[in-house]
């Protein structure tokens, strides 16, 4: 039972890290898209 809690915690942390990485990587593309849409 304790192992399952540990596993879910690790999965949650990995998901949060992956989301942060995706956000940082896509940030310049989002800014470029917004700038293009304004023109």
N, C-alpha and C. Protein backbone atom coordinates (compact mmCIF):
# COMPACT_ATOMS: atom_id res chain seq x y z
N UNK A 1 0.84 -1.20 0.00
CA UNK A 1 0.00 0.00 0.00
C UNK A 1 0.88 1.25 0.00
N UNK A 2 1.93 1.21 0.84
CA UNK A 2 2.82 2.38 0.91
C UNK A 2 3.54 2.58 -0.42
N UNK A 3 3.88 1.45 -1.10
CA UNK A 3 4.56 1.55 -2.39
C UNK A 3 3.71 2.26 -3.42
N UNK A 4 2.41 2.01 -3.38
CA UNK A 4 1.52 2.66 -4.34
C UNK A 4 1.51 4.17 -4.13
N UNK A 5 1.48 4.61 -2.87
CA UNK A 5 1.49 6.04 -2.60
C UNK A 5 2.78 6.69 -3.11
N UNK A 6 3.90 5.99 -2.89
CA UNK A 6 5.18 6.49 -3.37
C UNK A 6 5.17 6.58 -4.88
N UNK A 7 4.62 5.57 -5.54
CA UNK A 7 4.59 5.54 -7.00
C UNK A 7 3.76 6.70 -7.54
N UNK A 8 2.59 6.93 -6.93
CA UNK A 8 1.73 8.02 -7.40
C UNK A 8 2.42 9.37 -7.20
N UNK A 9 3.15 9.50 -6.08
CA UNK A 9 3.87 10.76 -5.83
C UNK A 9 4.94 10.99 -6.89
N UNK A 10 5.67 9.92 -7.23
CA UNK A 10 6.72 10.03 -8.25
C UNK A 10 6.10 10.37 -9.60
N UNK A 11 4.97 9.73 -9.92
CA UNK A 11 4.31 10.00 -11.19
C UNK A 11 3.84 11.45 -11.24
N UNK A 12 3.30 11.94 -10.12
CA UNK A 12 2.82 13.32 -10.07
C UNK A 12 3.98 14.29 -10.29
N UNK A 13 5.11 14.02 -9.63
CA UNK A 13 6.28 14.88 -9.79
C UNK A 13 6.80 14.87 -11.22
N UNK A 14 6.84 13.67 -11.83
CA UNK A 14 7.33 13.57 -13.20
C UNK A 14 6.41 14.32 -14.15
N UNK A 15 5.10 14.22 -13.91
CA UNK A 15 4.14 14.93 -14.76
C UNK A 15 4.33 16.44 -14.64
N UNK A 16 4.54 16.92 -13.41
CA UNK A 16 4.72 18.35 -13.18
C UNK A 16 6.00 18.84 -13.87
N UNK A 17 7.07 18.05 -13.77
CA UNK A 17 8.34 18.43 -14.41
C UNK A 17 8.17 18.46 -15.93
N UNK A 18 7.49 17.45 -16.47
CA UNK A 18 7.28 17.40 -17.92
C UNK A 18 6.46 18.60 -18.38
N UNK A 19 5.43 18.96 -17.61
CA UNK A 19 4.59 20.11 -17.98
C UNK A 19 5.43 21.39 -17.96
N UNK A 20 6.30 21.54 -16.96
CA UNK A 20 7.13 22.74 -16.87
C UNK A 20 8.10 22.81 -18.06
N UNK A 21 8.69 21.66 -18.43
CA UNK A 21 9.62 21.63 -19.56
C UNK A 21 8.89 22.02 -20.84
N UNK A 22 7.69 21.45 -21.04
CA UNK A 22 6.92 21.76 -22.25
C UNK A 22 6.59 23.25 -22.29
N UNK A 23 6.22 23.81 -21.13
CA UNK A 23 5.87 25.23 -21.07
C UNK A 23 7.07 26.10 -21.45
N UNK A 24 8.24 25.79 -20.89
CA UNK A 24 9.45 26.58 -21.17
C UNK A 24 9.84 26.46 -22.64
N UNK A 25 9.72 25.25 -23.20
CA UNK A 25 10.13 25.04 -24.59
C UNK A 25 9.18 25.74 -25.55
N UNK A 26 7.88 25.74 -25.24
CA UNK A 26 6.90 26.30 -26.18
C UNK A 26 6.69 27.80 -25.97
N UNK A 27 7.30 28.39 -24.95
CA UNK A 27 7.07 29.80 -24.66
C UNK A 27 7.47 30.71 -25.83
N UNK A 28 8.67 30.59 -26.43
CA UNK A 28 9.02 31.45 -27.57
C UNK A 28 8.06 31.27 -28.74
N UNK A 29 7.62 30.03 -28.99
CA UNK A 29 6.68 29.79 -30.09
C UNK A 29 5.36 30.50 -29.83
N UNK A 30 4.91 30.48 -28.58
CA UNK A 30 3.64 31.14 -28.23
C UNK A 30 3.78 32.65 -28.44
N UNK A 31 4.90 33.23 -28.00
CA UNK A 31 5.09 34.67 -28.16
C UNK A 31 5.15 35.03 -29.64
N UNK A 32 5.83 34.20 -30.45
CA UNK A 32 5.93 34.47 -31.88
C UNK A 32 4.54 34.40 -32.52
N UNK A 33 3.74 33.42 -32.09
CA UNK A 33 2.39 33.27 -32.63
C UNK A 33 1.53 34.48 -32.28
N UNK A 34 1.64 34.95 -31.04
CA UNK A 34 0.85 36.11 -30.63
C UNK A 34 1.29 37.35 -31.41
N UNK A 35 2.60 37.50 -31.62
CA UNK A 35 3.11 38.66 -32.35
C UNK A 35 2.63 38.62 -33.80
N UNK A 36 2.63 37.42 -34.39
CA UNK A 36 2.18 37.29 -35.78
C UNK A 36 0.69 37.59 -35.88
N UNK A 37 -0.08 37.20 -34.85
CA UNK A 37 -1.53 37.41 -34.91
C UNK A 37 -1.89 38.88 -34.79
N UNK A 38 -1.06 39.66 -34.11
CA UNK A 38 -1.35 41.08 -33.95
C UNK A 38 -1.19 41.82 -35.27
N UNK A 39 -0.22 41.40 -36.08
CA UNK A 39 0.07 42.11 -37.33
C UNK A 39 -1.04 41.91 -38.35
